[in-house]
């Protein structure tokens, strides 16, 4: 059985951010779900855990991207859950908020994001014997960052979906204080609620610079180094946000065991992790004109990811600690 303190730690972690929260334990079929709600969060943007009611051999933490929320990695999480894995879908600081303006302009945001992953790894230890990490876009960069910082804590694999290893926006902006100040001013007020209910309607460029700090650290920490964790990386050749060359360079130079799943169809950066179309709220003015469509290769992508997981991760020796 899972110790009740695991879920109370999960709730307490978010109460430290939002103040009063509520924790709901729900059941849908064979899926147990623990969700944390706050009045500060938009509907459907909450952090959640999928669990089997017991500590499993493997647990995976799947982290969303910049400006979106756990919904964007939920379908991926469900595929791992169906394989008997407990799944944590955290909510990064400054995300999922009704009013994110002040939070998204925090100069310590990159430190808070690292701390979020650190906290989830500690919680994951109570849910599974072997921890894997993964994520979409920024979530992928933060997962890789955790392995580079504390490799021995992650005995599972790394699963990247449109991983932000090399991002065009970050490369185009100088990392000087005045440049950051100019970006913060040009961002204006960051609006939380738009047509896409699970994503901010405008991209926070200042948050992109904070992501740049993570990417820069990853470059420094990975120099002349290959990680031991098996790495699965799914990417679209039409991704105009995160460069495919970053993924190929990562697998070539810094990974001992890896697999790239490359999609040639016209799938955009934010569509890759989706298994269905997101219905837009047309009562809102800001956001995409057309709904983010489903990745037509989602099932094939996840079949490949799960096969890789079983061959390269779960087939390894497991110590029930």
C-alpha atoms as a PDB file:
ATOM      1  CA  UNK A   1       0.000   0.000   0.000  1.00  0.00           C
ATOM      2  CA  UNK A   2       1.008   3.601  -0.527  1.00  0.00           C
ATOM      3  CA  UNK A   3       1.618   5.424   2.720  1.00  0.00           C
ATOM      4  CA  UNK A   4      -0.945   8.224   3.248  1.00  0.00           C
ATOM      5  CA  UNK A   5       1.913  10.611   3.985  1.00  0.00           C
ATOM      6  CA  UNK A   6       2.870  10.477   0.291  1.00  0.00           C
ATOM      7  CA  UNK A   7      -0.347  12.222  -0.727  1.00  0.00           C
ATOM      8  CA  UNK A   8      -0.295  14.596   2.224  1.00  0.00           C
ATOM      9  CA  UNK A   9       3.231  15.667   1.192  1.00  0.00           C
ATOM     10  CA  UNK A  10       1.933  16.226  -2.327  1.00  0.00           C
ATOM     11  CA  UNK A  11      -0.832  18.469  -1.007  1.00  0.00           C
ATOM     12  CA  UNK A  12       1.432  20.288   1.445  1.00  0.00           C
ATOM     13  CA  UNK A  13       3.865  21.069  -1.351  1.00  0.00           C
ATOM     14  CA  UNK A  14       1.164  22.991  -3.224  1.00  0.00           C
ATOM     15  CA  UNK A  15      -0.256  24.568  -0.092  1.00  0.00           C
ATOM     16  CA  UNK A  16       3.169  26.132   0.364  1.00  0.00           C
ATOM     17  CA  UNK A  17       2.589  27.832  -2.991  1.00  0.00           C
ATOM     18  CA  UNK A  18      -1.131  28.592  -3.004  1.00  0.00           C
ATOM     19  CA  UNK A  19      -2.212  28.618   0.613  1.00  0.00           C
ATOM     20  CA  UNK A  20      -5.425  26.689   1.202  1.00  0.00           C
ATOM     21  CA  UNK A  21      -5.933  23.755  -1.179  1.00  0.00           C
ATOM     22  CA  UNK A  22      -8.257  20.784  -1.367  1.00  0.00           C
ATOM     23  CA  UNK A  23      -7.214  17.230  -2.211  1.00  0.00           C
ATOM     24  CA  UNK A  24      -9.668  14.985  -4.015  1.00  0.00           C
ATOM     25  CA  UNK A  25      -9.231  11.243  -4.332  1.00  0.00           C
ATOM     26  CA  UNK A  26     -11.137  10.005  -7.349  1.00  0.00           C
ATOM     27  CA  UNK A  27     -11.554   6.655  -9.083  1.00  0.00           C
ATOM     28  CA  UNK A  28     -12.297   6.038 -12.748  1.00  0.00           C
ATOM     29  CA  UNK A  29     -12.295   2.390 -13.752  1.00  0.00           C
ATOM     30  CA  UNK A  30      -9.038   0.960 -12.416  1.00  0.00           C
ATOM     31  CA  UNK A  31      -7.432   4.398 -12.192  1.00  0.00           C
ATOM     32  CA  UNK A  32      -7.006   6.033  -8.825  1.00  0.00           C
ATOM     33  CA  UNK A  33      -6.367   9.761  -9.084  1.00  0.00           C
ATOM     34  CA  UNK A  34      -5.299  12.282  -6.487  1.00  0.00           C
ATOM     35  CA  UNK A  35      -5.861  15.905  -7.528  1.00  0.00           C
ATOM     36  CA  UNK A  36      -4.915  19.152  -5.797  1.00  0.00           C
ATOM     37  CA  UNK A  37      -7.251  22.118  -6.289  1.00  0.00           C
ATOM     38  CA  UNK A  38      -6.850  25.798  -5.484  1.00  0.00           C
ATOM     39  CA  UNK A  39      -8.999  28.856  -6.143  1.00  0.00           C
ATOM     40  CA  UNK A  40      -5.943  30.390  -7.832  1.00  0.00           C
ATOM     41  CA  UNK A  41      -5.890  27.717 -10.543  1.00  0.00           C
ATOM     42  CA  UNK A  42      -7.852  27.518 -13.756  1.00  0.00           C
ATOM     43  CA  UNK A  43     -10.215  24.588 -14.092  1.00  0.00           C
ATOM     44  CA  UNK A  44      -8.436  21.458 -15.296  1.00  0.00           C
ATOM     45  CA  UNK A  45      -4.939  22.877 -14.717  1.00  0.00           C
ATOM     46  CA  UNK A  46      -4.301  21.166 -11.371  1.00  0.00           C
ATOM     47  CA  UNK A  47      -1.437  18.809 -10.448  1.00  0.00           C
ATOM     48  CA  UNK A  48      -2.417  15.159 -10.179  1.00  0.00           C
ATOM     49  CA  UNK A  49      -1.221  11.625  -9.474  1.00  0.00           C
ATOM     50  CA  UNK A  50      -2.404   8.441 -11.188  1.00  0.00           C
ATOM     51  CA  UNK A  51      -1.786   5.422  -8.949  1.00  0.00           C
ATOM     52  CA  UNK A  52      -2.587   1.731  -8.572  1.00  0.00           C
ATOM     53  CA  UNK A  53      -3.204   1.813  -4.830  1.00  0.00           C
ATOM     54  CA  UNK A  54       0.209   0.366  -4.090  1.00  0.00           C
ATOM     55  CA  UNK A  55       3.873   1.159  -4.522  1.00  0.00           C
ATOM     56  CA  UNK A  56       4.815  -0.084  -7.974  1.00  0.00           C
ATOM     57  CA  UNK A  57       8.094  -1.248  -9.463  1.00  0.00           C
ATOM     58  CA  UNK A  58       8.304   1.922 -11.539  1.00  0.00           C
ATOM     59  CA  UNK A  59       7.068   5.496 -11.166  1.00  0.00           C
ATOM     60  CA  UNK A  60       7.382   8.296 -13.697  1.00  0.00           C
ATOM     61  CA  UNK A  61       7.197  12.076 -13.292  1.00  0.00           C
ATOM     62  CA  UNK A  62       5.895  13.778 -16.440  1.00  0.00           C
ATOM     63  CA  UNK A  63       6.227  17.567 -16.520  1.00  0.00           C
ATOM     64  CA  UNK A  64       4.386  19.957 -18.828  1.00  0.00           C
ATOM     65  CA  UNK A  65       5.806  22.800 -20.905  1.00  0.00           C
ATOM     66  CA  UNK A  66       6.184  26.559 -20.638  1.00  0.00           C
ATOM     67  CA  UNK A  67       2.806  28.366 -20.463  1.00  0.00           C
ATOM     68  CA  UNK A  68       0.704  25.184 -20.428  1.00  0.00           C
ATOM     69  CA  UNK A  69      -0.357  22.705 -17.723  1.00  0.00           C
ATOM     70  CA  UNK A  70      -0.463  18.994 -16.756  1.00  0.00           C
ATOM     71  CA  UNK A  71      -3.281  18.377 -19.236  1.00  0.00           C
ATOM     72  CA  UNK A  72      -0.707  18.499 -22.040  1.00  0.00           C
ATOM     73  CA  UNK A  73       1.045  15.370 -20.721  1.00  0.00           C
ATOM     74  CA  UNK A  74      -2.018  13.586 -19.332  1.00  0.00           C
ATOM     75  CA  UNK A  75      -2.517  11.275 -22.323  1.00  0.00           C
ATOM     76  CA  UNK A  76       1.150  10.285 -22.171  1.00  0.00           C
ATOM     77  CA  UNK A  77       0.782   9.636 -18.454  1.00  0.00           C
ATOM     78  CA  UNK A  78      -2.238   7.402 -19.031  1.00  0.00           C
ATOM     79  CA  UNK A  79      -0.249   5.165 -21.360  1.00  0.00           C
ATOM     80  CA  UNK A  80       2.412   4.643 -18.702  1.00  0.00           C
ATOM     81  CA  UNK A  81      -0.291   4.078 -16.077  1.00  0.00           C
ATOM     82  CA  UNK A  82      -1.827   1.297 -18.184  1.00  0.00           C
ATOM     83  CA  UNK A  83       1.557  -0.448 -18.059  1.00  0.00           C
ATOM     84  CA  UNK A  84       1.384  -0.657 -14.267  1.00  0.00           C
ATOM     85  CA  UNK A  85       3.361   2.511 -13.547  1.00  0.00           C
ATOM     86  CA  UNK A  86       2.391   5.131 -10.966  1.00  0.00           C
ATOM     87  CA  UNK A  87       2.421   8.578 -12.569  1.00  0.00           C
ATOM     88  CA  UNK A  88       2.985  12.081 -11.180  1.00  0.00           C
ATOM     89  CA  UNK A  89       1.903  15.119 -13.216  1.00  0.00           C
ATOM     90  CA  UNK A  90       3.251  18.185 -11.382  1.00  0.00           C
ATOM     91  CA  UNK A  91       2.354  21.827 -11.945  1.00  0.00           C
ATOM     92  CA  UNK A  92       5.329  24.133 -12.448  1.00  0.00           C
ATOM     93  CA  UNK A  93       5.408  27.413 -10.503  1.00  0.00           C
ATOM     94  CA  UNK A  94       3.745  30.319 -12.380  1.00  0.00           C
ATOM     95  CA  UNK A  95       1.591  27.924 -14.412  1.00  0.00           C
ATOM     96  CA  UNK A  96      -2.089  27.066 -14.490  1.00  0.00           C
ATOM     97  CA  UNK A  97      -2.983  30.343 -12.781  1.00  0.00           C
ATOM     98  CA  UNK A  98      -5.974  32.563 -13.400  1.00  0.00           C
ATOM     99  CA  UNK A  99      -3.645  35.552 -12.948  1.00  0.00           C
ATOM    100  CA  UNK A 100      -0.027  34.603 -13.728  1.00  0.00           C
ATOM    101  CA  UNK A 101       1.388  38.070 -14.425  1.00  0.00           C
ATOM    102  CA  UNK A 102       3.485  38.568 -11.286  1.00  0.00           C
ATOM    103  CA  UNK A 103       4.467  34.923 -10.889  1.00  0.00           C
ATOM    104  CA  UNK A 104       5.717  34.577 -14.471  1.00  0.00           C
ATOM    105  CA  UNK A 105       8.020  37.599 -14.097  1.00  0.00           C
ATOM    106  CA  UNK A 106       9.855  36.186 -11.084  1.00  0.00           C
ATOM    107  CA  UNK A 107      13.622  36.375 -11.659  1.00  0.00           C
ATOM    108  CA  UNK A 108      14.053  33.216  -9.552  1.00  0.00           C
ATOM    109  CA  UNK A 109      11.643  31.175 -11.642  1.00  0.00           C
ATOM    110  CA  UNK A 110      14.306  28.788 -12.933  1.00  0.00           C
ATOM    111  CA  UNK A 111      15.330  27.991  -9.344  1.00  0.00           C
ATOM    112  CA  UNK A 112      11.686  27.357  -8.423  1.00  0.00           C
ATOM    113  CA  UNK A 113      11.265  25.035 -11.389  1.00  0.00           C
ATOM    114  CA  UNK A 114      14.286  22.996 -10.324  1.00  0.00           C
ATOM    115  CA  UNK A 115      12.912  22.870  -6.777  1.00  0.00           C
ATOM    116  CA  UNK A 116       9.578  21.598  -8.155  1.00  0.00           C
ATOM    117  CA  UNK A 117      11.264  18.639  -9.839  1.00  0.00           C
ATOM    118  CA  UNK A 118      13.346  17.986  -6.724  1.00  0.00           C
ATOM    119  CA  UNK A 119      10.191  17.874  -4.580  1.00  0.00           C
ATOM    120  CA  UNK A 120       8.417  15.536  -6.999  1.00  0.00           C
ATOM    121  CA  UNK A 121      11.367  13.128  -6.998  1.00  0.00           C
ATOM    122  CA  UNK A 122      11.172  12.935  -3.206  1.00  0.00           C
ATOM    123  CA  UNK A 123       7.434  12.218  -3.422  1.00  0.00           C
ATOM    124  CA  UNK A 124       7.965   9.674  -6.209  1.00  0.00           C
ATOM    125  CA  UNK A 125      10.190   7.610  -3.910  1.00  0.00           C
ATOM    126  CA  UNK A 126       7.034   6.723  -1.970  1.00  0.00           C
ATOM    127  CA  UNK A 127       5.191   5.638  -5.113  1.00  0.00           C
ATOM    128  CA  UNK A 128       7.716   3.461  -6.921  1.00  0.00           C
ATOM    129  CA  UNK A 129      11.002   1.698  -6.521  1.00  0.00           C
ATOM    130  CA  UNK A 130      12.611   3.102  -9.670  1.00  0.00           C
ATOM    131  CA  UNK A 131      12.049   6.673 -10.845  1.00  0.00           C
ATOM    132  CA  UNK A 132      11.860   7.761 -14.485  1.00  0.00           C
ATOM    133  CA  UNK A 133      11.505  11.342 -15.673  1.00  0.00           C
ATOM    134  CA  UNK A 134       9.955  12.835 -18.746  1.00  0.00           C
ATOM    135  CA  UNK A 135       8.125  15.778 -20.103  1.00  0.00           C
ATOM    136  CA  UNK A 136       6.957  18.005 -22.882  1.00  0.00           C
ATOM    137  CA  UNK A 137       9.188  20.890 -24.023  1.00  0.00           C
ATOM    138  CA  UNK A 138      10.352  22.760 -20.882  1.00  0.00           C
ATOM    139  CA  UNK A 139       9.337  19.730 -18.824  1.00  0.00           C
ATOM    140  CA  UNK A 140      11.811  17.681 -20.828  1.00  0.00           C
ATOM    141  CA  UNK A 141      14.609  20.202 -20.271  1.00  0.00           C
ATOM    142  CA  UNK A 142      13.936  20.193 -16.522  1.00  0.00           C
ATOM    143  CA  UNK A 143      13.897  16.390 -16.440  1.00  0.00           C
ATOM    144  CA  UNK A 144      17.270  16.231 -18.190  1.00  0.00           C
ATOM    145  CA  UNK A 145      18.531  18.913 -15.813  1.00  0.00           C
ATOM    146  CA  UNK A 146      17.590  16.796 -12.793  1.00  0.00           C
ATOM    147  CA  UNK A 147      19.518  13.828 -14.129  1.00  0.00           C
ATOM    148  CA  UNK A 148      22.563  15.980 -14.787  1.00  0.00           C
ATOM    149  CA  UNK A 149      22.396  17.393 -11.250  1.00  0.00           C
ATOM    150  CA  UNK A 150      21.569  14.205  -9.328  1.00  0.00           C
ATOM    151  CA  UNK A 151      22.018  11.267 -11.648  1.00  0.00           C
ATOM    152  CA  UNK A 152      22.036   8.561  -8.952  1.00  0.00           C
ATOM    153  CA  UNK A 153      18.468   9.394  -7.844  1.00  0.00           C
ATOM    154  CA  UNK A 154      17.038   8.550 -11.271  1.00  0.00           C
ATOM    155  CA  UNK A 155      17.458   4.824 -11.919  1.00  0.00           C
ATOM    156  CA  UNK A 156      14.830   4.711 -14.663  1.00  0.00           C
ATOM    157  CA  UNK A 157      14.771   6.428 -18.037  1.00  0.00           C
ATOM    158  CA  UNK A 158      14.288   9.865 -19.605  1.00  0.00           C
ATOM    159  CA  UNK A 159      11.356  10.424 -21.963  1.00  0.00           C
ATOM    160  CA  UNK A 160      11.367  13.605 -24.041  1.00  0.00           C
ATOM    161  CA  UNK A 161       8.408  14.879 -26.062  1.00  0.00           C
ATOM    162  CA  UNK A 162       9.302  17.957 -28.151  1.00  0.00           C
ATOM    163  CA  UNK A 163      12.143  18.338 -25.671  1.00  0.00           C
ATOM    164  CA  UNK A 164      13.494  21.879 -25.205  1.00  0.00           C
ATOM    165  CA  UNK A 165      17.157  21.041 -25.634  1.00  0.00           C
ATOM    166  CA  UNK A 166      17.837  23.787 -28.205  1.00  0.00           C
ATOM    167  CA  UNK A 167      15.224  26.553 -28.440  1.00  0.00           C
ATOM    168  CA  UNK A 168      15.248  29.275 -31.110  1.00  0.00           C
ATOM    169  CA  UNK A 169      13.835  32.044 -28.891  1.00  0.00           C
ATOM    170  CA  UNK A 170      16.512  31.504 -26.263  1.00  0.00           C
ATOM    171  CA  UNK A 171      19.280  31.584 -28.854  1.00  0.00           C
ATOM    172  CA  UNK A 172      18.044  34.905 -30.255  1.00  0.00           C
ATOM    173  CA  UNK A 173      18.091  36.871 -26.983  1.00  0.00           C
ATOM    174  CA  UNK A 174      21.228  37.992 -25.167  1.00  0.00           C
ATOM    175  CA  UNK A 175      21.385  36.877 -21.540  1.00  0.00           C
ATOM    176  CA  UNK A 176      22.132  40.348 -20.194  1.00  0.00           C
ATOM    177  CA  UNK A 177      20.193  42.152 -17.475  1.00  0.00           C
ATOM    178  CA  UNK A 178      19.046  44.956 -19.789  1.00  0.00           C
ATOM    179  CA  UNK A 179      17.836  42.425 -22.337  1.00  0.00           C
ATOM    180  CA  UNK A 180      15.844  40.666 -19.626  1.00  0.00           C
ATOM    181  CA  UNK A 181      14.349  43.939 -18.470  1.00  0.00           C
ATOM    182  CA  UNK A 182      13.351  44.815 -22.019  1.00  0.00           C
ATOM    183  CA  UNK A 183      11.701  41.413 -22.462  1.00  0.00           C
ATOM    184  CA  UNK A 184       9.819  41.800 -19.181  1.00  0.00           C
ATOM    185  CA  UNK A 185       8.493  45.183 -20.336  1.00  0.00           C
ATOM    186  CA  UNK A 186       7.592  43.933 -23.812  1.00  0.00           C
ATOM    187  CA  UNK A 187       5.663  41.000 -22.332  1.00  0.00           C
ATOM    188  CA  UNK A 188       3.209  43.466 -20.791  1.00  0.00           C
ATOM    189  CA  UNK A 189       0.525  41.922 -18.607  1.00  0.00           C
ATOM    190  CA  UNK A 190       0.521  38.147 -18.912  1.00  0.00           C
ATOM    191  CA  UNK A 191      -3.066  36.978 -19.214  1.00  0.00           C
ATOM    192  CA  UNK A 192      -3.988  33.608 -17.763  1.00  0.00           C
ATOM    193  CA  UNK A 193      -7.356  32.871 -19.354  1.00  0.00           C
ATOM    194  CA  UNK A 194      -7.772  32.473 -23.098  1.00  0.00           C
ATOM    195  CA  UNK A 195      -9.287  30.224 -25.729  1.00  0.00           C
ATOM    196  CA  UNK A 196      -7.134  27.208 -24.862  1.00  0.00           C
ATOM    197  CA  UNK A 197      -8.281  26.308 -21.322  1.00  0.00           C
ATOM    198  CA  UNK A 198      -5.004  24.525 -20.536  1.00  0.00           C
ATOM    199  CA  UNK A 199      -2.496  27.071 -21.825  1.00  0.00           C
ATOM    200  CA  UNK A 200      -1.846  30.799 -21.498  1.00  0.00           C
ATOM    201  CA  UNK A 201      -3.093  32.746 -24.534  1.00  0.00           C
ATOM    202  CA  UNK A 202       0.221  34.566 -25.102  1.00  0.00           C
ATOM    203  CA  UNK A 203       3.721  33.165 -24.779  1.00  0.00           C
ATOM    204  CA  UNK A 204       5.654  34.640 -21.807  1.00  0.00           C
ATOM    205  CA  UNK A 205       9.006  35.605 -23.324  1.00  0.00           C
ATOM    206  CA  UNK A 206      10.505  36.337 -19.905  1.00  0.00           C
ATOM    207  CA  UNK A 207       9.668  32.774 -18.926  1.00  0.00           C
ATOM    208  CA  UNK A 208      11.513  31.753 -22.083  1.00  0.00           C
ATOM    209  CA  UNK A 209      14.630  33.448 -20.750  1.00  0.00           C
ATOM    210  CA  UNK A 210      14.279  31.533 -17.498  1.00  0.00           C
ATOM    211  CA  UNK A 211      14.089  28.367 -19.584  1.00  0.00           C
ATOM    212  CA  UNK A 212      17.263  29.601 -21.275  1.00  0.00           C
ATOM    213  CA  UNK A 213      19.020  29.478 -17.911  1.00  0.00           C
ATOM    214  CA  UNK A 214      18.041  25.812 -17.593  1.00  0.00           C
ATOM    215  CA  UNK A 215      19.240  25.044 -21.126  1.00  0.00           C
ATOM    216  CA  UNK A 216      22.542  26.853 -20.491  1.00  0.00           C
ATOM    217  CA  UNK A 217      23.072  24.860 -17.302  1.00  0.00           C
ATOM    218  CA  UNK A 218      22.304  21.644 -19.160  1.00  0.00           C
ATOM    219  CA  UNK A 219      24.948  22.525 -21.743  1.00  0.00           C
ATOM    220  CA  UNK A 220      27.524  23.155 -19.016  1.00  0.00           C
ATOM    221  CA  UNK A 221      26.731  20.067 -16.976  1.00  0.00           C
ATOM    222  CA  UNK A 222      26.654  17.748 -19.984  1.00  0.00           C
ATOM    223  CA  UNK A 223      30.041  18.781 -21.393  1.00  0.00           C
ATOM    224  CA  UNK A 224      32.206  15.704 -22.070  1.00  0.00           C
ATOM    225  CA  UNK A 225      29.586  13.519 -20.411  1.00  0.00           C
ATOM    226  CA  UNK A 226      27.142  10.756 -21.345  1.00  0.00           C
ATOM    227  CA  UNK A 227      24.289   9.868 -19.024  1.00  0.00           C
ATOM    228  CA  UNK A 228      23.559   6.255 -18.087  1.00  0.00           C
ATOM    229  CA  UNK A 229      19.772   6.568 -18.274  1.00  0.00           C
ATOM    230  CA  UNK A 230      18.040   5.251 -21.389  1.00  0.00           C
ATOM    231  CA  UNK A 231      16.570   8.161 -23.386  1.00  0.00           C
ATOM    232  CA  UNK A 232      13.511   8.122 -25.645  1.00  0.00           C
ATOM    233  CA  UNK A 233      12.973  11.315 -27.644  1.00  0.00           C
ATOM    234  CA  UNK A 234       9.914  12.038 -29.805  1.00  0.00           C
ATOM    235  CA  UNK A 235      10.115  15.075 -32.075  1.00  0.00           C
ATOM    236  CA  UNK A 236       8.534  16.546 -35.187  1.00  0.00           C
ATOM    237  CA  UNK A 237      10.591  17.736 -38.145  1.00  0.00           C
ATOM    238  CA  UNK A 238       8.113  20.639 -38.357  1.00  0.00           C
ATOM    239  CA  UNK A 239       8.814  21.807 -34.802  1.00  0.00           C
ATOM    240  CA  UNK A 240       9.655  25.500 -35.127  1.00  0.00           C
ATOM    241  CA  UNK A 241      10.074  26.059 -31.383  1.00  0.00           C
ATOM    242  CA  UNK A 242      12.490  23.386 -30.221  1.00  0.00           C
ATOM    243  CA  UNK A 243      15.078  22.483 -32.828  1.00  0.00           C
ATOM    244  CA  UNK A 244      15.345  18.850 -33.877  1.00  0.00           C
ATOM    245  CA  UNK A 245      19.118  19.323 -34.083  1.00  0.00           C
ATOM    246  CA  UNK A 246      19.164  19.723 -30.296  1.00  0.00           C
ATOM    247  CA  UNK A 247      17.646  16.263 -29.846  1.00  0.00           C
ATOM    248  CA  UNK A 248      19.946  14.625 -32.393  1.00  0.00           C
ATOM    249  CA  UNK A 249      22.955  16.289 -30.753  1.00  0.00           C
ATOM    250  CA  UNK A 250      21.862  15.103 -27.327  1.00  0.00           C
ATOM    251  CA  UNK A 251      21.452  11.500 -28.470  1.00  0.00           C
ATOM    252  CA  UNK A 252      24.711  11.526 -30.407  1.00  0.00           C
ATOM    253  CA  UNK A 253      26.957  13.165 -27.818  1.00  0.00           C
ATOM    254  CA  UNK A 254      25.447  12.706 -24.358  1.00  0.00           C
ATOM    255  CA  UNK A 255      23.433   9.474 -24.312  1.00  0.00           C
ATOM    256  CA  UNK A 256      24.648   5.882 -24.137  1.00  0.00           C
ATOM    257  CA  UNK A 257      21.296   4.223 -24.884  1.00  0.00           C
ATOM    258  CA  UNK A 258      18.773   6.220 -26.860  1.00  0.00           C
ATOM    259  CA  UNK A 259      16.006   6.145 -29.440  1.00  0.00           C
ATOM    260  CA  UNK A 260      14.584   8.957 -31.565  1.00  0.00           C
ATOM    261  CA  UNK A 261      10.993   8.819 -32.795  1.00  0.00           C
ATOM    262  CA  UNK A 262      10.844  11.427 -35.558  1.00  0.00           C
ATOM    263  CA  UNK A 263       7.498  12.500 -37.051  1.00  0.00           C
ATOM    264  CA  UNK A 264       7.504  13.758 -40.625  1.00  0.00           C
ATOM    265  CA  UNK A 265       3.839  14.872 -40.723  1.00  0.00           C
ATOM    266  CA  UNK A 266       3.045  18.543 -40.160  1.00  0.00           C
ATOM    267  CA  UNK A 267       2.804  18.297 -36.383  1.00  0.00           C
ATOM    268  CA  UNK A 268       3.617  21.485 -34.479  1.00  0.00           C
ATOM    269  CA  UNK A 269       5.576  21.735 -31.234  1.00  0.00           C
ATOM    270  CA  UNK A 270       2.556  21.854 -28.924  1.00  0.00           C
ATOM    271  CA  UNK A 271       0.534  19.244 -30.809  1.00  0.00           C
ATOM    272  CA  UNK A 272       2.996  16.382 -30.406  1.00  0.00           C
ATOM    273  CA  UNK A 273       1.870  15.278 -26.892  1.00  0.00           C
ATOM    274  CA  UNK A 274      -1.872  15.469 -27.656  1.00  0.00           C
ATOM    275  CA  UNK A 275      -4.070  12.463 -28.387  1.00  0.00           C
ATOM    276  CA  UNK A 276      -7.152  14.545 -29.166  1.00  0.00           C
ATOM    277  CA  UNK A 277      -8.145  18.034 -30.277  1.00  0.00           C
ATOM    278  CA  UNK A 278      -8.408  20.664 -27.551  1.00  0.00           C
ATOM    279  CA  UNK A 279     -11.797  22.367 -27.637  1.00  0.00           C
ATOM    280  CA  UNK A 280     -11.398  26.143 -27.575  1.00  0.00           C
ATOM    281  CA  UNK A 281     -13.442  28.524 -25.448  1.00  0.00           C
ATOM    282  CA  UNK A 282     -14.730  30.870 -28.145  1.00  0.00           C
ATOM    283  CA  UNK A 283     -16.095  33.269 -25.531  1.00  0.00           C
ATOM    284  CA  UNK A 284     -12.481  34.399 -25.018  1.00  0.00           C
ATOM    285  CA  UNK A 285     -10.687  36.824 -27.336  1.00  0.00           C
ATOM    286  CA  UNK A 286      -7.065  35.762 -26.886  1.00  0.00           C
ATOM    287  CA  UNK A 287      -5.463  32.543 -27.999  1.00  0.00           C
ATOM    288  CA  UNK A 288      -5.236  30.373 -31.118  1.00  0.00           C
ATOM    289  CA  UNK A 289      -7.685  30.846 -33.958  1.00  0.00           C
ATOM    290  CA  UNK A 290      -7.802  27.126 -34.652  1.00  0.00           C
ATOM    291  CA  UNK A 291      -7.721  24.422 -31.974  1.00  0.00           C
ATOM    292  CA  UNK A 292      -4.490  22.478 -31.364  1.00  0.00           C
ATOM    293  CA  UNK A 293      -5.061  19.225 -33.215  1.00  0.00           C
ATOM    294  CA  UNK A 294      -4.170  15.732 -32.123  1.00  0.00           C
ATOM    295  CA  UNK A 295      -0.861  14.172 -33.107  1.00  0.00           C
ATOM    296  CA  UNK A 296      -1.848  11.655 -35.851  1.00  0.00           C
ATOM    297  CA  UNK A 297       1.071   9.462 -34.786  1.00  0.00           C
ATOM    298  CA  UNK A 298       0.293   9.655 -31.048  1.00  0.00           C
ATOM    299  CA  UNK A 299      -0.556   5.976 -30.631  1.00  0.00           C
ATOM    300  CA  UNK A 300       2.426   4.836 -32.682  1.00  0.00           C
ATOM    301  CA  UNK A 301       4.657   7.221 -30.762  1.00  0.00           C
ATOM    302  CA  UNK A 302       3.476   5.910 -27.412  1.00  0.00           C
ATOM    303  CA  UNK A 303       3.668   2.274 -28.538  1.00  0.00           C
ATOM    304  CA  UNK A 304       7.315   2.957 -29.341  1.00  0.00           C
ATOM    305  CA  UNK A 305       7.878   4.767 -26.024  1.00  0.00           C
ATOM    306  CA  UNK A 306       6.309   1.941 -24.003  1.00  0.00           C
ATOM    307  CA  UNK A 307       8.224  -0.733 -25.903  1.00  0.00           C
ATOM    308  CA  UNK A 308      11.419   1.213 -25.223  1.00  0.00           C
ATOM    309  CA  UNK A 309      10.433   1.533 -21.555  1.00  0.00           C
ATOM    310  CA  UNK A 310       9.959  -2.220 -21.171  1.00  0.00           C
ATOM    311  CA  UNK A 311      13.155  -3.135 -22.991  1.00  0.00           C
ATOM    312  CA  UNK A 312      15.526  -0.504 -21.615  1.00  0.00           C
ATOM    313  CA  UNK A 313      14.053   0.421 -18.206  1.00  0.00           C
ATOM    314  CA  UNK A 314      11.650  -2.035 -16.596  1.00  0.00           C
ATOM    315  CA  UNK A 315      13.644  -5.087 -17.684  1.00  0.00           C
ATOM    316  CA  UNK A 316      16.462  -3.931 -15.388  1.00  0.00           C
ATOM    317  CA  UNK A 317      17.045  -5.183 -11.881  1.00  0.00           C
ATOM    318  CA  UNK A 318      14.566  -3.832  -9.374  1.00  0.00           C
ATOM    319  CA  UNK A 319      15.308  -3.401  -5.690  1.00  0.00           C
ATOM    320  CA  UNK A 320      12.185  -3.088  -3.544  1.00  0.00           C
ATOM    321  CA  UNK A 321      13.248  -0.365  -1.149  1.00  0.00           C
END
